[in-house]
Amino acid sequence: MAVSEQAGALVGRVAIVTGAASGIGRATAELFVREGAQVALADVDNVRGEAAAREIAAHGGRAIFERADVTSAAEAGRLVERARQEFGALHVLVNSAGVMRRASVIELEESDWDRVLAVNVKSIFLLSKHAIPVMSACGGGSIINVASGWGLAGGPRAAAYCASKGAVVLLTKAMAIDHGPEKIRVNCVCPGDTDTPMLRSEALQLEEPEIEFLAGAARRPLGRVGTPQEIAQAILFLAGAGSSFMTGAALVVDGGGLAGG
């Protein structure tokens, strides 16, 4: 794993990371622990979530796993309370849980639309609703929402996903306005195509060979897709003191994919 340039950036901090069983969420949880944070990992995938927490603990970090459907108000509340009880505080929330359905509005089923909006947007509302009072009582904190380059520009056959990530960008800005007086910063990252299980699932949804799909995704100025660890570094920056005067920002991390758009 790459060594951070911000060694110890989160010493004494407590964080929740959703979608932490794989991809960007797992990379973020691992990096946060290496930077000194105590982390509650959350996901609906028990097997991979528990394995991630065990692996982190085996390397000397302090992490717990809580199975949580973050589209449920009760489970979102339980997750925040578990982190507070386990670690005594909450300073950082990373809303990384997300799903993708590649389809136009004609192709989409209503259930697909509802699921994408629930996981990608409603979960942020629910986790933040429960986390902000705890953060405020701790003197402030940082919320980082994982949006997408497709929250700033549209993409083909991704109507629900683009709608959800556009909502994340503006929800981030609205929350930054509301909660700045409580010393809570709210920012989002907008990754480009990143080599995660979700990206590879798109090839299957579009019925394209995975190799060809990934080659297309790499057509950007840097000539490749990103890694979860690279996106995690951007999230770490937004979580730490180096971004102390940033709130309401949408940080694009996409290898130049939107540079000409």
Protein backbone atom coordinates (compact mmCIF):
# COMPACT_ATOMS: atom_id res chain seq x y z
CA MET A 1 0.00 0.00 0.00
CA ALA A 2 1.22 3.48 -0.84
CA VAL A 3 2.67 5.55 1.99
CA SER A 4 0.76 8.75 2.71
CA GLU A 5 2.57 12.10 2.62
CA GLN A 6 0.42 13.19 5.59
CA ALA A 7 1.74 10.78 8.20
CA GLY A 8 -0.44 10.77 11.29
CA ALA A 9 -2.98 13.13 9.74
CA LEU A 10 -5.87 11.61 11.69
CA VAL A 11 -4.32 10.75 15.05
CA GLY A 12 -7.03 10.94 17.72
CA ARG A 13 -9.85 11.08 15.17
CA VAL A 14 -12.83 8.72 14.99
CA ALA A 15 -14.33 7.98 11.58
CA ILE A 16 -17.20 6.09 9.99
CA VAL A 17 -16.70 4.83 6.44
CA THR A 18 -19.67 3.34 4.57
CA GLY A 19 -19.30 0.99 1.63
CA ALA A 20 -16.14 -0.17 3.38
CA ALA A 21 -16.11 -3.81 2.34
CA SER A 22 -14.44 -3.11 -1.00
CA GLY A 23 -13.30 -0.49 -3.47
CA ILE A 24 -12.90 3.15 -2.45
CA GLY A 25 -14.54 2.60 0.94
CA ARG A 26 -12.14 -0.15 1.96
CA ALA A 27 -9.09 1.74 0.70
CA THR A 28 -10.23 4.78 2.67
CA ALA A 29 -10.76 2.80 5.88
CA GLU A 30 -7.31 1.21 5.56
CA LEU A 31 -5.64 4.58 4.92
CA PHE A 32 -7.47 6.29 7.77
CA VAL A 33 -6.30 3.65 10.24
CA ARG A 34 -2.70 3.97 9.00
CA GLU A 35 -3.04 7.71 9.61
CA GLY A 36 -4.02 7.15 13.24
CA ALA A 37 -7.83 7.13 13.12
CA GLN A 38 -10.15 4.69 14.82
CA VAL A 39 -12.62 3.55 12.19
CA ALA A 40 -16.07 1.98 12.07
CA LEU A 41 -16.45 0.17 8.77
CA ALA A 42 -20.00 -0.27 7.48
CA ASP A 43 -21.41 -2.31 4.62
CA VAL A 44 -24.15 -4.81 3.82
CA ASP A 45 -21.50 -7.39 2.89
CA ASN A 46 -20.80 -9.20 6.17
CA VAL A 47 -18.09 -11.48 4.85
CA ARG A 48 -15.88 -8.89 3.18
CA GLY A 49 -16.63 -6.26 5.82
CA GLU A 50 -15.59 -8.49 8.70
CA ALA A 51 -12.51 -9.58 6.74
CA ALA A 52 -11.49 -5.95 6.17
CA ALA A 53 -11.83 -5.11 9.86
CA ARG A 54 -9.82 -8.20 10.85
CA GLU A 55 -7.05 -7.39 8.39
CA ILE A 56 -6.80 -3.82 9.67
CA ALA A 57 -6.69 -5.04 13.28
CA ALA A 58 -4.01 -7.57 12.40
CA HIS A 59 -1.76 -4.72 11.31
CA GLY A 60 -2.21 -2.94 14.62
CA GLY A 61 -5.06 -0.62 13.75
CA ARG A 62 -8.28 -0.15 15.66
CA ALA A 63 -11.33 -0.88 13.54
CA ILE A 64 -14.75 -2.42 13.96
CA PHE A 65 -17.27 -3.62 11.42
CA GLU A 66 -20.99 -2.95 11.65
CA ARG A 67 -23.34 -4.49 9.13
CA ALA A 68 -25.67 -1.68 8.10
CA ASP A 69 -28.15 -1.02 5.32
CA VAL A 70 -27.52 2.71 5.09
CA THR A 71 -30.83 3.29 3.33
CA SER A 72 -32.55 2.45 6.63
CA ALA A 73 -32.96 5.25 9.18
CA ALA A 74 -32.83 2.77 12.06
CA GLU A 75 -29.65 1.10 10.83
CA ALA A 76 -27.96 4.42 10.06
CA GLY A 77 -28.72 5.56 13.58
CA ARG A 78 -27.46 2.29 15.05
CA LEU A 79 -24.19 2.62 13.13
CA VAL A 80 -23.51 6.11 14.45
CA GLU A 81 -24.36 5.05 17.99
CA ARG A 82 -22.11 1.98 17.75
CA ALA A 83 -19.18 4.15 16.69
CA ARG A 84 -19.86 6.64 19.48
CA GLN A 85 -20.11 3.95 22.11
CA GLU A 86 -17.05 2.05 20.87
CA PHE A 87 -14.73 5.01 20.40
CA GLY A 88 -16.33 7.79 22.49
CA ALA A 89 -16.58 10.39 19.72
CA LEU A 90 -17.11 11.00 16.01
CA HIS A 91 -15.08 13.41 13.89
CA VAL A 92 -15.22 12.15 10.30
CA LEU A 93 -17.96 10.59 8.17
CA VAL A 94 -17.18 9.20 4.73
CA ASN A 95 -20.30 8.40 2.73
CA SER A 96 -18.83 5.98 0.21
CA ALA A 97 -21.66 3.46 -0.21
CA GLY A 98 -22.88 3.45 -3.80
CA VAL A 99 -24.44 1.41 -6.57
CA MET A 100 -24.51 1.74 -10.35
CA ARG A 101 -27.21 0.78 -12.83
CA ARG A 102 -26.26 1.39 -16.46
CA ALA A 103 -29.51 2.17 -18.25
CA SER A 104 -31.40 4.99 -19.92
CA VAL A 105 -34.71 6.20 -18.51
CA ILE A 106 -36.49 3.98 -21.03
CA GLU A 107 -34.54 0.91 -19.93
CA LEU A 108 -34.72 1.59 -16.18
CA GLU A 109 -37.19 -0.19 -13.97
CA GLU A 110 -38.74 1.96 -11.26
CA SER A 111 -37.18 -0.31 -8.65
CA ASP A 112 -33.72 0.34 -10.14
CA TRP A 113 -34.27 4.11 -9.96
CA ASP A 114 -35.42 3.86 -6.35
CA ARG A 115 -32.48 1.69 -5.33
CA VAL A 116 -29.83 3.91 -6.92
CA LEU A 117 -31.27 7.08 -5.39
CA ALA A 118 -31.68 5.41 -1.99
CA VAL A 119 -28.13 4.07 -1.74
CA ASN A 120 -26.35 6.99 -3.39
CA VAL A 121 -28.31 9.94 -1.92
CA LYS A 122 -30.75 8.98 0.82
CA SER A 123 -27.99 7.22 2.74
CA ILE A 124 -26.02 10.48 2.94
CA PHE A 125 -29.05 12.26 4.35
CA LEU A 126 -29.66 9.54 6.93
CA LEU A 127 -26.06 9.11 8.08
CA SER A 128 -25.50 12.85 8.25
CA LYS A 129 -28.72 13.41 10.17
CA HIS A 130 -27.49 11.07 12.90
CA ALA A 131 -23.79 11.96 12.73
CA ILE A 132 -23.95 15.76 12.77
CA PRO A 133 -25.27 16.12 16.35
CA VAL A 134 -22.51 13.81 17.60
CA MET A 135 -19.85 15.69 15.62
CA SER A 136 -21.18 19.01 16.88
CA ALA A 137 -20.92 17.79 20.47
CA CYS A 138 -17.28 16.85 19.75
CA GLY A 139 -16.49 20.37 18.56
CA GLY A 140 -16.91 19.87 14.81
CA GLY A 141 -15.80 17.50 12.12
CA SER A 142 -15.63 16.67 8.44
CA ILE A 143 -18.09 14.90 6.16
CA ILE A 144 -16.85 13.64 2.82
CA ASN A 145 -19.39 12.42 0.28
CA VAL A 146 -18.31 10.30 -2.67
CA ALA A 147 -19.93 11.80 -5.74
CA SER A 148 -18.63 11.24 -9.30
CA GLY A 149 -17.43 13.00 -12.40
CA TRP A 150 -20.87 12.06 -13.66
CA GLY A 151 -22.30 14.28 -10.96
CA LEU A 152 -20.83 17.23 -12.88
CA ALA A 153 -21.29 15.99 -16.46
CA GLY A 154 -23.70 13.47 -17.92
CA GLY A 155 -22.85 10.04 -19.25
CA PRO A 156 -24.54 7.50 -21.55
CA ARG A 157 -27.00 4.93 -20.22
CA ALA A 158 -26.53 6.07 -16.62
CA ALA A 159 -29.58 8.23 -15.99
CA ALA A 160 -30.24 7.23 -12.37
CA TYR A 161 -26.56 7.24 -11.46
CA CYS A 162 -25.96 10.70 -12.96
CA ALA A 163 -29.08 12.06 -11.25
CA SER A 164 -27.96 10.63 -7.91
CA LYS A 165 -24.41 11.93 -8.10
CA GLY A 166 -25.55 15.37 -9.24
CA ALA A 167 -27.77 15.38 -6.16
CA VAL A 168 -24.77 14.46 -3.98
CA VAL A 169 -22.81 17.47 -5.25
CA LEU A 170 -25.58 19.95 -4.41
CA LEU A 171 -26.54 18.21 -1.17
CA THR A 172 -22.89 18.63 -0.17
CA LYS A 173 -23.02 22.36 -0.84
CA ALA A 174 -26.31 22.82 1.02
CA MET A 175 -25.01 20.92 4.04
CA ALA A 176 -21.82 22.98 4.03
CA ILE A 177 -23.89 26.15 4.32
CA ASP A 178 -26.11 24.78 7.07
CA HIS A 179 -23.44 23.26 9.27
CA GLY A 180 -20.41 25.50 8.86
CA PRO A 181 -21.38 27.44 12.01
CA GLU A 182 -21.06 24.15 13.92
CA LYS A 183 -17.47 23.79 12.62
CA ILE A 184 -18.53 20.89 10.43
CA ARG A 185 -17.02 20.93 6.96
CA VAL A 186 -18.83 19.09 4.15
CA ASN A 187 -17.07 18.33 0.88
CA CYS A 188 -17.30 15.72 -1.84
CA VAL A 189 -14.89 13.95 -4.14
CA CYS A 190 -15.82 13.37 -7.77
CA PRO A 191 -13.80 10.37 -8.96
CA GLY A 192 -13.44 9.36 -12.54
CA ASP A 193 -13.47 5.69 -13.52
CA THR A 194 -11.69 3.80 -10.73
CA ASP A 195 -10.71 0.13 -10.76
CA THR A 196 -13.32 -1.24 -8.35
CA PRO A 197 -15.77 -4.15 -8.49
CA MET A 198 -18.50 -1.62 -9.34
CA LEU A 199 -16.61 -0.38 -12.40
CA ARG A 200 -16.07 -3.91 -13.64
CA SER A 201 -19.76 -4.70 -13.10
CA GLU A 202 -20.61 -2.02 -15.64
CA ALA A 203 -19.05 -4.10 -18.42
CA LEU A 204 -21.41 -6.94 -17.53
CA GLN A 205 -24.42 -4.62 -17.40
CA LEU A 206 -23.55 -3.17 -20.83
CA GLU A 207 -22.73 -6.65 -22.18
CA GLU A 208 -19.24 -5.54 -23.22
CA PRO A 209 -15.99 -7.52 -22.88
CA GLU A 210 -14.32 -6.33 -19.68
CA ILE A 211 -10.95 -5.70 -21.34
CA GLU A 212 -12.53 -3.48 -23.99
CA PHE A 213 -14.67 -1.67 -21.43
CA LEU A 214 -11.67 -0.88 -19.21
CA ALA A 215 -9.65 0.27 -22.22
CA GLY A 216 -12.42 2.73 -23.05
CA ALA A 217 -12.54 3.94 -19.45
CA ALA A 218 -8.80 4.67 -19.64
CA ARG A 219 -9.21 7.14 -22.51
CA ARG A 220 -8.38 10.28 -20.56
CA PRO A 221 -5.30 12.52 -20.42
CA LEU A 222 -3.45 10.31 -17.91
CA GLY A 223 -4.23 7.25 -20.03
CA ARG A 224 -5.54 4.96 -17.28
CA VAL A 225 -8.28 4.46 -14.73
CA GLY A 226 -7.68 5.42 -11.11
CA THR A 227 -7.02 3.19 -8.15
CA PRO A 228 -9.10 3.12 -4.95
CA GLN A 229 -5.98 4.17 -3.04
CA GLU A 230 -5.65 7.35 -5.12
CA ILE A 231 -9.24 8.36 -4.36
CA ALA A 232 -8.65 7.52 -0.68
CA GLN A 233 -5.76 9.99 -0.62
CA ALA A 234 -8.10 12.76 -1.80
CA ILE A 235 -10.61 11.78 0.89
CA LEU A 236 -7.85 11.87 3.50
CA PHE A 237 -6.97 15.41 2.41
CA LEU A 238 -10.58 16.52 2.88
CA ALA A 239 -10.76 14.81 6.26
CA GLY A 240 -7.60 16.38 7.65
CA ALA A 241 -6.25 19.76 8.69
CA GLY A 242 -4.74 20.43 5.26
CA SER A 243 -8.20 21.30 3.94
CA SER A 244 -9.29 23.31 7.00
CA PHE A 245 -10.63 26.24 4.91
CA MET A 246 -12.47 24.04 2.40
CA THR A 247 -16.18 23.34 2.63
CA GLY A 248 -18.84 22.93 -0.02
CA ALA A 249 -16.20 21.87 -2.55
CA ALA A 250 -16.46 19.20 -5.24
CA LEU A 251 -12.92 17.88 -5.70
CA VAL A 252 -12.46 16.22 -9.10
CA VAL A 253 -10.04 13.26 -9.09
CA ASP A 254 -10.37 11.77 -12.55
CA GLY A 255 -7.08 11.69 -14.46
CA GLY A 256 -8.22 14.65 -16.53
CA GLY A 257 -11.40 13.07 -17.80
CA LEU A 258 -13.43 16.25 -17.40
CA ALA A 259 -10.62 18.62 -18.35
CA GLY A 260 -11.96 19.18 -21.85
CA GLY A 261 -15.65 19.05 -20.92
